[in-house]
PDB file of N, CA and C in Angstrom:
ATOM      1  N   UNK A   1       4.537 -15.679  17.678  1.00  0.00           N
ATOM      2  CA  UNK A   1       5.659 -14.891  17.147  1.00  0.00           C
ATOM      3  C   UNK A   1       6.384 -15.693  16.018  1.00  0.00           C
ATOM      4  N   UNK A   2       6.220 -15.058  15.003  1.00  0.00           N
ATOM      5  CA  UNK A   2       7.410 -15.633  14.210  1.00  0.00           C
ATOM      6  C   UNK A   2       8.327 -15.979  13.792  1.00  0.00           C
ATOM      7  N   UNK A   3       9.769 -16.660  13.611  1.00  0.00           N
ATOM      8  CA  UNK A   3      10.862 -17.301  13.722  1.00  0.00           C
ATOM      9  C   UNK A   3      10.818 -16.838  12.101  1.00  0.00           C
ATOM     10  N   UNK A   4      12.103 -15.975  11.838  1.00  0.00           N
ATOM     11  CA  UNK A   4      12.551 -16.360  10.323  1.00  0.00           C
ATOM     12  C   UNK A   4      14.071 -16.322  10.425  1.00  0.00           C
ATOM     13  N   UNK A   5      14.198 -17.398   9.194  1.00  0.00           N
ATOM     14  CA  UNK A   5      15.672 -17.248   8.824  1.00  0.00           C
ATOM     15  C   UNK A   5      15.655 -16.503   7.503  1.00  0.00           C
ATOM     16  N   UNK A   6      16.648 -15.759   7.826  1.00  0.00           N
ATOM     17  CA  UNK A   6      17.324 -14.880   6.880  1.00  0.00           C
ATOM     18  C   UNK A   6      18.573 -15.652   6.090  1.00  0.00           C
ATOM     19  N   UNK A   7      17.444 -15.627   4.683  1.00  0.00           N
ATOM     20  CA  UNK A   7      18.897 -16.588   3.650  1.00  0.00           C
ATOM     21  C   UNK A   7      19.830 -15.973   3.576  1.00  0.00           C
ATOM     22  N   UNK A   8      19.874 -14.602   3.562  1.00  0.00           N
ATOM     23  CA  UNK A   8      21.082 -13.653   3.061  1.00  0.00           C
ATOM     24  C   UNK A   8      22.045 -14.222   4.019  1.00  0.00           C
ATOM     25  N   UNK A   9      22.386 -13.571   5.194  1.00  0.00           N
ATOM     26  CA  UNK A   9      22.912 -13.973   6.544  1.00  0.00           C
ATOM     27  C   UNK A   9      23.146 -15.202   7.361  1.00  0.00           C
ATOM     28  N   UNK A  10      21.806 -16.088   7.236  1.00  0.00           N
ATOM     29  CA  UNK A  10      21.848 -17.050   7.962  1.00  0.00           C
ATOM     30  C   UNK A  10      21.306 -17.049   9.482  1.00  0.00           C
ATOM     31  N   UNK A  11      21.133 -15.618   9.679  1.00  0.00           N
ATOM     32  CA  UNK A  11      19.987 -15.631  11.135  1.00  0.00           C
ATOM     33  C   UNK A  11      18.789 -16.027  11.355  1.00  0.00           C
ATOM     34  N   UNK A  12      18.705 -16.761  12.213  1.00  0.00           N
ATOM     35  CA  UNK A  12      17.399 -17.055  12.544  1.00  0.00           C
ATOM     36  C   UNK A  12      17.357 -16.115  13.669  1.00  0.00           C
ATOM     37  N   UNK A  13      15.949 -15.454  13.502  1.00  0.00           N
ATOM     38  CA  UNK A  13      15.497 -14.387  14.684  1.00  0.00           C
ATOM     39  C   UNK A  13      14.059 -14.430  14.546  1.00  0.00           C
ATOM     40  N   UNK A  14      13.577 -13.972  15.621  1.00  0.00           N
ATOM     41  CA  UNK A  14      11.855 -13.230  15.827  1.00  0.00           C
ATOM     42  C   UNK A  14      11.715 -12.046  14.729  1.00  0.00           C
ATOM     43  N   UNK A  15      10.017 -12.511  14.576  1.00  0.00           N
ATOM     44  CA  UNK A  15       9.889 -11.131  13.435  1.00  0.00           C
ATOM     45  C   UNK A  15      10.348  -9.819  13.687  1.00  0.00           C
ATOM     46  N   UNK A  16      10.073  -9.169  15.027  1.00  0.00           N
ATOM     47  CA  UNK A  16      11.023  -8.279  15.450  1.00  0.00           C
ATOM     48  C   UNK A  16      11.822  -7.516  14.457  1.00  0.00           C
ATOM     49  N   UNK A  17      12.875  -8.340  14.284  1.00  0.00           N
ATOM     50  CA  UNK A  17      13.943  -7.992  13.422  1.00  0.00           C
ATOM     51  C   UNK A  17      13.904  -7.782  11.982  1.00  0.00           C
ATOM     52  N   UNK A  18      12.797  -8.017  11.331  1.00  0.00           N
ATOM     53  CA  UNK A  18      12.371  -8.074  10.509  1.00  0.00           C
ATOM     54  C   UNK A  18      11.284  -7.357   9.753  1.00  0.00           C
ATOM     55  N   UNK A  19      11.033  -6.929   8.965  1.00  0.00           N
ATOM     56  CA  UNK A  19      10.081  -5.965   8.549  1.00  0.00           C
ATOM     57  C   UNK A  19       9.238  -6.227   7.166  1.00  0.00           C
ATOM     58  N   UNK A  20       7.902  -6.572   6.910  1.00  0.00           N
ATOM     59  CA  UNK A  20       7.057  -7.078   6.225  1.00  0.00           C
ATOM     60  C   UNK A  20       7.088  -6.174   4.950  1.00  0.00           C
ATOM     61  N   UNK A  21       7.365  -6.575   3.867  1.00  0.00           N
ATOM     62  CA  UNK A  21       6.889  -5.933   2.505  1.00  0.00           C
ATOM     63  C   UNK A  21       6.358  -6.307   1.526  1.00  0.00           C
ATOM     64  N   UNK A  22       4.975  -6.891   1.908  1.00  0.00           N
ATOM     65  CA  UNK A  22       3.812  -7.138   1.202  1.00  0.00           C
ATOM     66  C   UNK A  22       3.898  -8.410   0.347  1.00  0.00           C
ATOM     67  N   UNK A  23       3.039  -9.020  -0.676  1.00  0.00           N
ATOM     68  CA  UNK A  23       3.025 -10.163  -1.315  1.00  0.00           C
ATOM     69  C   UNK A  23       4.402  -9.838  -2.173  1.00  0.00           C
ATOM     70  N   UNK A  24       4.876 -11.329  -2.107  1.00  0.00           N
ATOM     71  CA  UNK A  24       6.039 -11.493  -3.063  1.00  0.00           C
ATOM     72  C   UNK A  24       5.610 -11.973  -4.590  1.00  0.00           C
ATOM     73  N   UNK A  25       6.282 -11.617  -5.843  1.00  0.00           N
ATOM     74  CA  UNK A  25       5.872 -12.268  -6.952  1.00  0.00           C
ATOM     75  C   UNK A  25       4.878 -11.104  -7.900  1.00  0.00           C
ATOM     76  N   UNK A  26       5.005 -10.520  -7.338  1.00  0.00           N
ATOM     77  CA  UNK A  26       3.878  -9.572  -7.703  1.00  0.00           C
ATOM     78  C   UNK A  26       4.183  -8.993  -9.334  1.00  0.00           C
ATOM     79  N   UNK A  27       3.606  -9.260 -10.823  1.00  0.00           N
ATOM     80  CA  UNK A  27       3.864  -8.681 -11.659  1.00  0.00           C
ATOM     81  C   UNK A  27       3.801  -7.714 -12.083  1.00  0.00           C
ATOM     82  N   UNK A  28       4.842  -6.814 -12.190  1.00  0.00           N
ATOM     83  CA  UNK A  28       4.539  -5.145 -12.173  1.00  0.00           C
ATOM     84  C   UNK A  28       4.196  -4.678 -13.927  1.00  0.00           C
ATOM     85  N   UNK A  29       3.823  -3.759 -13.828  1.00  0.00           N
ATOM     86  CA  UNK A  29       2.955  -3.083 -14.834  1.00  0.00           C
ATOM     87  C   UNK A  29       3.922  -1.992 -15.590  1.00  0.00           C
ATOM     88  N   UNK A  30       3.879  -2.136 -16.842  1.00  0.00           N
ATOM     89  CA  UNK A  30       5.066  -1.520 -17.324  1.00  0.00           C
ATOM     90  C   UNK A  30       4.267  -0.014 -17.799  1.00  0.00           C
ATOM     91  N   UNK A  31       5.269   1.188 -18.539  1.00  0.00           N
ATOM     92  CA  UNK A  31       4.626   2.597 -19.010  1.00  0.00           C
ATOM     93  C   UNK A  31       3.366   2.503 -19.632  1.00  0.00           C
ATOM     94  N   UNK A  32       3.486   1.272 -20.884  1.00  0.00           N
ATOM     95  CA  UNK A  32       2.910   0.886 -22.162  1.00  0.00           C
ATOM     96  C   UNK A  32       1.847   0.221 -21.982  1.00  0.00           C
ATOM     97  N   UNK A  33       1.629  -0.143 -20.175  1.00  0.00           N
ATOM     98  CA  UNK A  33       0.401  -1.026 -20.244  1.00  0.00           C
ATOM     99  C   UNK A  33      -1.186  -0.408 -19.886  1.00  0.00           C
ATOM    100  N   UNK A  34      -1.807  -0.979 -20.359  1.00  0.00           N
ATOM    101  CA  UNK A  34      -3.286  -0.791 -20.402  1.00  0.00           C
ATOM    102  C   UNK A  34      -3.813  -0.190 -18.770  1.00  0.00           C
ATOM    103  N   UNK A  35      -4.882   0.630 -18.630  1.00  0.00           N
ATOM    104  CA  UNK A  35      -5.110   1.158 -17.105  1.00  0.00           C
ATOM    105  C   UNK A  35      -5.679  -0.101 -16.380  1.00  0.00           C
ATOM    106  N   UNK A  36      -6.031  -1.097 -16.884  1.00  0.00           N
ATOM    107  CA  UNK A  36      -6.995  -2.505 -16.275  1.00  0.00           C
ATOM    108  C   UNK A  36      -5.941  -3.051 -15.436  1.00  0.00           C
ATOM    109  N   UNK A  37      -4.334  -3.279 -15.843  1.00  0.00           N
ATOM    110  CA  UNK A  37      -3.258  -3.911 -15.776  1.00  0.00           C
ATOM    111  C   UNK A  37      -2.594  -3.286 -14.972  1.00  0.00           C
ATOM    112  N   UNK A  38      -2.870  -1.716 -14.978  1.00  0.00           N
ATOM    113  CA  UNK A  38      -1.876  -1.463 -14.205  1.00  0.00           C
ATOM    114  C   UNK A  38      -2.692  -1.078 -12.657  1.00  0.00           C
ATOM    115  N   UNK A  39      -4.013  -0.832 -12.621  1.00  0.00           N
ATOM    116  CA  UNK A  39      -4.782  -0.957 -11.614  1.00  0.00           C
ATOM    117  C   UNK A  39      -4.628  -2.330 -11.155  1.00  0.00           C
ATOM    118  N   UNK A  40      -4.552  -3.464 -11.428  1.00  0.00           N
ATOM    119  CA  UNK A  40      -4.263  -4.871 -10.852  1.00  0.00           C
ATOM    120  C   UNK A  40      -2.882  -4.600 -10.244  1.00  0.00           C
ATOM    121  N   UNK A  41      -1.650  -4.029 -10.870  1.00  0.00           N
ATOM    122  CA  UNK A  41      -0.987  -3.985 -10.243  1.00  0.00           C
ATOM    123  C   UNK A  41      -0.626  -3.165  -8.831  1.00  0.00           C
ATOM    124  N   UNK A  42      -1.437  -2.129  -8.991  1.00  0.00           N
ATOM    125  CA  UNK A  42      -1.191  -0.918  -7.876  1.00  0.00           C
ATOM    126  C   UNK A  42      -2.212  -1.570  -6.609  1.00  0.00           C
ATOM    127  N   UNK A  43      -3.278  -2.130  -7.089  1.00  0.00           N
ATOM    128  CA  UNK A  43      -4.685  -2.315  -5.558  1.00  0.00           C
ATOM    129  C   UNK A  43      -4.760  -3.672  -5.748  1.00  0.00           C
ATOM    130  N   UNK A  44      -4.856  -4.702  -6.699  1.00  0.00           N
ATOM    131  CA  UNK A  44      -4.944  -5.728  -6.324  1.00  0.00           C
ATOM    132  C   UNK A  44      -4.107  -6.779  -5.860  1.00  0.00           C
ATOM    133  N   UNK A  45      -4.271  -7.175  -4.736  1.00  0.00           N
ATOM    134  CA  UNK A  45      -3.278  -8.172  -3.735  1.00  0.00           C
ATOM    135  C   UNK A  45      -4.104  -9.801  -3.309  1.00  0.00           C
ATOM    136  N   UNK A  46      -3.534 -10.792  -3.071  1.00  0.00           N
ATOM    137  CA  UNK A  46      -4.212 -11.693  -2.449  1.00  0.00           C
ATOM    138  C   UNK A  46      -3.919 -11.396  -1.077  1.00  0.00           C
ATOM    139  N   UNK A  47      -5.266 -12.134  -0.135  1.00  0.00           N
ATOM    140  CA  UNK A  47      -5.242 -11.968   1.220  1.00  0.00           C
ATOM    141  C   UNK A  47      -6.066 -13.591   1.178  1.00  0.00           C
ATOM    142  N   UNK A  48      -5.003 -14.317   1.347  1.00  0.00           N
ATOM    143  CA  UNK A  48      -5.590 -15.736   1.285  1.00  0.00           C
ATOM    144  C   UNK A  48      -5.453 -16.151   3.204  1.00  0.00           C
ATOM    145  N   UNK A  49      -6.609 -16.901   3.301  1.00  0.00           N
ATOM    146  CA  UNK A  49      -6.402 -17.670   4.869  1.00  0.00           C
ATOM    147  C   UNK A  49      -5.475 -19.299   4.396  1.00  0.00           C
ATOM    148  N   UNK A  50      -4.258 -19.172   4.509  1.00  0.00           N
ATOM    149  CA  UNK A  50      -3.842 -20.208   4.251  1.00  0.00           C
ATOM    150  C   UNK A  50      -1.942 -19.832   3.696  1.00  0.00           C
ATOM    151  N   UNK A  51      -1.220 -20.661   2.636  1.00  0.00           N
ATOM    152  CA  UNK A  51      -0.257 -20.249   2.703  1.00  0.00           C
ATOM    153  C   UNK A  51      -0.254 -18.779   1.805  1.00  0.00           C
ATOM    154  N   UNK A  52       0.696 -17.826   1.987  1.00  0.00           N
ATOM    155  CA  UNK A  52       1.241 -16.526   1.488  1.00  0.00           C
ATOM    156  C   UNK A  52       2.843 -16.767   0.758  1.00  0.00           C
ATOM    157  N   UNK A  53       3.030 -16.063  -0.254  1.00  0.00           N
ATOM    158  CA  UNK A  53       4.193 -15.544   0.135  1.00  0.00           C
ATOM    159  C   UNK A  53       4.525 -13.962  -0.229  1.00  0.00           C
ATOM    160  N   UNK A  54       5.473 -13.942   0.694  1.00  0.00           N
ATOM    161  CA  UNK A  54       5.782 -12.474   1.192  1.00  0.00           C
ATOM    162  C   UNK A  54       7.002 -12.201   0.714  1.00  0.00           C
ATOM    163  N   UNK A  55       7.267 -10.871   0.479  1.00  0.00           N
ATOM    164  CA  UNK A  55       8.794  -9.851   1.100  1.00  0.00           C
ATOM    165  C   UNK A  55       9.146  -9.534   2.058  1.00  0.00           C
ATOM    166  N   UNK A  56      10.178  -9.953   2.905  1.00  0.00           N
ATOM    167  CA  UNK A  56      10.912  -9.553   4.303  1.00  0.00           C
ATOM    168  C   UNK A  56      11.978  -8.579   3.806  1.00  0.00           C
ATOM    169  N   UNK A  57      12.311  -8.039   4.964  1.00  0.00           N
ATOM    170  CA  UNK A  57      13.791  -7.168   4.854  1.00  0.00           C
ATOM    171  C   UNK A  57      14.435  -6.720   6.425  1.00  0.00           C
ATOM    172  N   UNK A  58      15.361  -7.610   6.160  1.00  0.00           N
ATOM    173  CA  UNK A  58      16.222  -7.862   7.628  1.00  0.00           C
ATOM    174  C   UNK A  58      16.863  -6.387   7.944  1.00  0.00           C
ATOM    175  N   UNK A  59      15.651  -5.800   8.793  1.00  0.00           N
ATOM    176  CA  UNK A  59      16.113  -4.219   9.139  1.00  0.00           C
ATOM    177  C   UNK A  59      17.043  -4.072  10.043  1.00  0.00           C
ATOM    178  N   UNK A  60      17.101  -5.380  11.198  1.00  0.00           N
ATOM    179  CA  UNK A  60      18.387  -5.330  11.843  1.00  0.00           C
ATOM    180  C   UNK A  60      19.370  -6.002  12.043  1.00  0.00           C
ATOM    181  N   UNK A  61      19.681  -6.410  10.829  1.00  0.00           N
ATOM    182  CA  UNK A  61      20.778  -7.381  10.508  1.00  0.00           C
ATOM    183  C   UNK A  61      21.500  -7.264   9.472  1.00  0.00           C
ATOM    184  N   UNK A  62      21.077  -7.709   8.408  1.00  0.00           N
ATOM    185  CA  UNK A  62      22.286  -7.541   6.643  1.00  0.00           C
ATOM    186  C   UNK A  62      21.162  -6.477   6.337  1.00  0.00           C
ATOM    187  N   UNK A  63      20.578  -6.136   6.446  1.00  0.00           N
ATOM    188  CA  UNK A  63      19.576  -5.071   5.552  1.00  0.00           C
ATOM    189  C   UNK A  63      18.955  -5.369   4.052  1.00  0.00           C
ATOM    190  N   UNK A  64      19.069  -6.785   3.831  1.00  0.00           N
ATOM    191  CA  UNK A  64      18.793  -7.476   2.402  1.00  0.00           C
ATOM    192  C   UNK A  64      17.055  -7.900   2.468  1.00  0.00           C
ATOM    193  N   UNK A  65      16.520  -7.482   1.248  1.00  0.00           N
ATOM    194  CA  UNK A  65      15.498  -8.604   1.508  1.00  0.00           C
ATOM    195  C   UNK A  65      15.428 -10.354   1.056  1.00  0.00           C
ATOM    196  N   UNK A  66      14.476 -10.616   1.313  1.00  0.00           N
ATOM    197  CA  UNK A  66      14.217 -11.977   0.999  1.00  0.00           C
ATOM    198  C   UNK A  66      12.797 -12.188   0.904  1.00  0.00           C
ATOM    199  N   UNK A  67      12.133 -13.632   0.419  1.00  0.00           N
ATOM    200  CA  UNK A  67      11.138 -13.911   0.698  1.00  0.00           C
ATOM    201  C   UNK A  67      10.780 -15.247   1.366  1.00  0.00           C
ATOM    202  N   UNK A  68       9.569 -15.090   1.825  1.00  0.00           N
ATOM    203  CA  UNK A  68       8.848 -15.996   2.593  1.00  0.00           C
ATOM    204  C   UNK A  68       7.978 -16.705   2.474  1.00  0.00           C
ATOM    205  N   UNK A  69       7.609 -18.091   2.985  1.00  0.00           N
ATOM    206  CA  UNK A  69       6.094 -18.702   2.732  1.00  0.00           C
ATOM    207  C   UNK A  69       5.649 -19.035   4.091  1.00  0.00           C
ATOM    208  N   UNK A  70       4.319 -18.509   4.473  1.00  0.00           N
ATOM    209  CA  UNK A  70       3.997 -18.907   5.806  1.00  0.00           C
ATOM    210  C   UNK A  70       2.553 -19.183   5.492  1.00  0.00           C
ATOM    211  N   UNK A  71       1.901 -19.803   6.711  1.00  0.00           N
ATOM    212  CA  UNK A  71       0.663 -20.012   6.707  1.00  0.00           C
ATOM    213  C   UNK A  71      -0.240 -18.743   7.535  1.00  0.00           C
ATOM    214  N   UNK A  72      -1.012 -17.813   6.924  1.00  0.00           N
ATOM    215  CA  UNK A  72      -1.669 -16.671   7.387  1.00  0.00           C
ATOM    216  C   UNK A  72      -2.254 -17.227   8.917  1.00  0.00           C
ATOM    217  N   UNK A  73      -3.257 -18.260   8.529  1.00  0.00           N
ATOM    218  CA  UNK A  73      -3.881 -18.718   9.223  1.00  0.00           C
ATOM    219  C   UNK A  73      -3.282 -19.120  10.730  1.00  0.00           C
ATOM    220  N   UNK A  74      -2.258 -19.994  10.385  1.00  0.00           N
ATOM    221  CA  UNK A  74      -0.901 -20.611  11.699  1.00  0.00           C
ATOM    222  C   UNK A  74      -0.208 -20.022  11.902  1.00  0.00           C
ATOM    223  N   UNK A  75       0.473 -18.984  10.964  1.00  0.00           N
ATOM    224  CA  UNK A  75       1.751 -18.442  11.676  1.00  0.00           C
ATOM    225  C   UNK A  75       2.952 -19.610  10.837  1.00  0.00           C
ATOM    226  N   UNK A  76       2.943 -20.697  10.938  1.00  0.00           N
ATOM    227  CA  UNK A  76       3.810 -21.458  10.517  1.00  0.00           C
ATOM    228  C   UNK A  76       4.627 -21.127   8.982  1.00  0.00           C
ATOM    229  N   UNK A  77       5.803 -20.980   9.546  1.00  0.00           N
ATOM    230  CA  UNK A  77       6.914 -20.604   8.105  1.00  0.00           C
ATOM    231  C   UNK A  77       7.191 -21.695   8.082  1.00  0.00           C
ATOM    232  N   UNK A  78       6.915 -21.869   6.614  1.00  0.00           N
ATOM    233  CA  UNK A  78       7.331 -23.216   5.312  1.00  0.00           C
ATOM    234  C   UNK A  78       8.591 -22.745   5.127  1.00  0.00           C
ATOM    235  N   UNK A  79       9.538 -21.830   4.775  1.00  0.00           N
ATOM    236  CA  UNK A  79      10.627 -21.512   4.271  1.00  0.00           C
ATOM    237  C   UNK A  79      10.801 -20.724   4.081  1.00  0.00           C
ATOM    238  N   UNK A  80      12.246 -19.743   3.728  1.00  0.00           N
ATOM    239  CA  UNK A  80      12.526 -18.923   2.921  1.00  0.00           C
ATOM    240  C   UNK A  80      13.726 -18.649   1.793  1.00  0.00           C
ATOM    241  N   UNK A  81      13.416 -17.732   1.320  1.00  0.00           N
ATOM    242  CA  UNK A  81      14.587 -17.497   0.013  1.00  0.00           C
ATOM    243  C   UNK A  81      14.684 -16.414  -0.861  1.00  0.00           C
ATOM    244  N   UNK A  82      15.882 -16.579  -1.698  1.00  0.00           N
ATOM    245  CA  UNK A  82      16.461 -15.092  -2.019  1.00  0.00           C
ATOM    246  C   UNK A  82      15.232 -14.635  -2.784  1.00  0.00           C
ATOM    247  N   UNK A  83      14.993 -13.451  -3.047  1.00  0.00           N
ATOM    248  CA  UNK A  83      14.612 -12.331  -3.427  1.00  0.00           C
ATOM    249  C   UNK A  83      14.840 -12.108  -4.760  1.00  0.00           C
ATOM    250  N   UNK A  84      15.547 -12.619  -5.011  1.00  0.00           N
ATOM    251  CA  UNK A  84      16.166 -12.250  -7.199  1.00  0.00           C
ATOM    252  C   UNK A  84      15.179 -14.184  -7.401  1.00  0.00           C
ATOM    253  N   UNK A  85      14.707 -14.390  -6.607  1.00  0.00           N
ATOM    254  CA  UNK A  85      13.752 -15.847  -7.350  1.00  0.00           C
ATOM    255  C   UNK A  85      12.534 -15.712  -7.723  1.00  0.00           C
ATOM    256  N   UNK A  86      12.415 -16.197  -9.208  1.00  0.00           N
ATOM    257  CA  UNK A  86      11.356 -15.583  -9.873  1.00  0.00           C
ATOM    258  C   UNK A  86       9.771 -16.634  -9.367  1.00  0.00           C
ATOM    259  N   UNK A  87      10.459 -17.600  -8.852  1.00  0.00           N
ATOM    260  CA  UNK A  87       9.147 -18.551  -8.048  1.00  0.00           C
ATOM    261  C   UNK A  87       9.588 -19.149  -7.312  1.00  0.00           C
ATOM    262  N   UNK A  88       8.470 -19.476  -6.365  1.00  0.00           N
ATOM    263  CA  UNK A  88       9.362 -20.561  -5.341  1.00  0.00           C
ATOM    264  C   UNK A  88      10.314 -21.798  -5.719  1.00  0.00           C
ATOM    265  N   UNK A  89      10.596 -21.790  -5.410  1.00  0.00           N
ATOM    266  CA  UNK A  89      11.484 -23.161  -5.369  1.00  0.00           C
ATOM    267  C   UNK A  89      10.665 -24.054  -5.306  1.00  0.00           C
ATOM    268  N   UNK A  90      11.064 -25.275  -5.779  1.00  0.00           N
ATOM    269  CA  UNK A  90      10.266 -26.485  -5.969  1.00  0.00           C
ATOM    270  C   UNK A  90      10.902 -27.269  -4.647  1.00  0.00           C
ATOM    271  N   UNK A  91      11.708 -27.195  -3.841  1.00  0.00           N
ATOM    272  CA  UNK A  91      11.677 -27.801  -2.540  1.00  0.00           C
ATOM    273  C   UNK A  91      10.736 -27.096  -1.774  1.00  0.00           C
ATOM    274  N   UNK A  92      10.631 -25.813  -1.548  1.00  0.00           N
ATOM    275  CA  UNK A  92       9.944 -25.273  -0.762  1.00  0.00           C
ATOM    276  C   UNK A  92       8.417 -25.899  -1.018  1.00  0.00           C
ATOM    277  N   UNK A  93       8.173 -25.547  -2.566  1.00  0.00           N
ATOM    278  CA  UNK A  93       6.702 -26.153  -2.718  1.00  0.00           C
ATOM    279  C   UNK A  93       6.200 -27.826  -2.335  1.00  0.00           C
ATOM    280  N   UNK A  94       7.312 -28.200  -2.484  1.00  0.00           N
ATOM    281  CA  UNK A  94       7.006 -30.003  -1.776  1.00  0.00           C
ATOM    282  C   UNK A  94       6.489 -30.022  -0.426  1.00  0.00           C
ATOM    283  N   UNK A  95       7.094 -29.163   0.356  1.00  0.00           N
ATOM    284  CA  UNK A  95       7.277 -29.198   1.986  1.00  0.00           C
ATOM    285  C   UNK A  95       5.914 -28.071   2.266  1.00  0.00           C
ATOM    286  N   UNK A  96       5.377 -27.774   1.011  1.00  0.00           N
ATOM    287  CA  UNK A  96       3.817 -27.094   1.992  1.00  0.00           C
ATOM    288  C   UNK A  96       3.228 -28.183   1.161  1.00  0.00           C
ATOM    289  N   UNK A  97       2.840 -29.014   0.025  1.00  0.00           N
ATOM    290  CA  UNK A  97       2.488 -30.148  -0.677  1.00  0.00           C
ATOM    291  C   UNK A  97       2.053 -30.999   0.691  1.00  0.00           C
ATOM    292  N   UNK A  98       3.461 -31.304   1.584  1.00  0.00           N
ATOM    293  CA  UNK A  98       3.168 -32.350   2.076  1.00  0.00           C
ATOM    294  C   UNK A  98       2.687 -31.879   3.095  1.00  0.00           C
ATOM    295  N   UNK A  99       2.191 -30.962   3.642  1.00  0.00           N
ATOM    296  CA  UNK A  99       1.766 -30.402   4.618  1.00  0.00           C
ATOM    297  C   UNK A  99       0.009 -29.789   4.627  1.00  0.00           C
ATOM    298  N   UNK A 100      -0.002 -29.515   3.121  1.00  0.00           N
ATOM    299  CA  UNK A 100      -1.327 -28.945   2.677  1.00  0.00           C
ATOM    300  C   UNK A 100      -1.342 -29.676   1.401  1.00  0.00           C
ATOM    301  N   UNK A 101      -1.924 -30.790   1.406  1.00  0.00           N
ATOM    302  CA  UNK A 101      -2.308 -31.551   0.300  1.00  0.00           C
ATOM    303  C   UNK A 101      -3.530 -30.629  -0.290  1.00  0.00           C
ATOM    304  N   UNK A 102      -3.267 -30.557  -1.921  1.00  0.00           N
ATOM    305  CA  UNK A 102      -4.158 -29.844  -3.033  1.00  0.00           C
ATOM    306  C   UNK A 102      -3.927 -28.489  -2.606  1.00  0.00           C
ATOM    307  N   UNK A 103      -2.464 -28.128  -2.456  1.00  0.00           N
ATOM    308  CA  UNK A 103      -2.108 -26.786  -2.231  1.00  0.00           C
ATOM    309  C   UNK A 103      -1.750 -26.067  -3.656  1.00  0.00           C
ATOM    310  N   UNK A 104      -3.262 -24.743  -4.614  1.00  0.00           N
ATOM    311  CA  UNK A 104      -2.498 -24.325  -4.998  1.00  0.00           C
ATOM    312  C   UNK A 104      -2.525 -22.998  -4.872  1.00  0.00           C
ATOM    313  N   UNK A 105      -1.268 -22.231  -5.754  1.00  0.00           N
ATOM    314  CA  UNK A 105      -1.185 -20.578  -5.786  1.00  0.00           C
ATOM    315  C   UNK A 105      -0.958 -20.080  -6.961  1.00  0.00           C
ATOM    316  N   UNK A 106      -2.011 -19.471  -7.540  1.00  0.00           N
ATOM    317  CA  UNK A 106      -1.552 -18.956  -8.588  1.00  0.00           C
ATOM    318  C   UNK A 106      -1.958 -19.862 -10.156  1.00  0.00           C
ATOM    319  N   UNK A 107      -0.340 -19.624 -10.864  1.00  0.00           N
ATOM    320  CA  UNK A 107      -0.468 -20.873 -11.803  1.00  0.00           C
ATOM    321  C   UNK A 107       0.350 -21.853 -11.039  1.00  0.00           C
ATOM    322  N   UNK A 108       0.598 -22.219  -9.948  1.00  0.00           N
ATOM    323  CA  UNK A 108       1.610 -23.338  -9.519  1.00  0.00           C
ATOM    324  C   UNK A 108       0.708 -24.631  -8.941  1.00  0.00           C
ATOM    325  N   UNK A 109       0.713 -25.113  -9.522  1.00  0.00           N
ATOM    326  CA  UNK A 109       0.136 -26.777  -9.154  1.00  0.00           C
ATOM    327  C   UNK A 109       0.765 -27.436  -8.346  1.00  0.00           C
TER     328      UNK A 109
END
């Protein structure tokens, strides 16, 4: 069972209080985009064995969306942060790199 901390209201609870919303930091394709870019936006998602950034909603609490970094193999949660953040915070990336040397994600080294 995952324990998540909602950064919006500060509540730490089991995952049953939350609802997963898929991959975080997905770049949206606009109406003028090429078909290949729109296809990538709609259908291509990462599904790594390891660190993954996800969207979550605190459904039984404040109802707000937030982002979380967790390991899909061990279910270890590295941290949560605001949904308005365009990239994972450096503090969180440093915490991940300390436990997973050589970690890379997309264009984040």
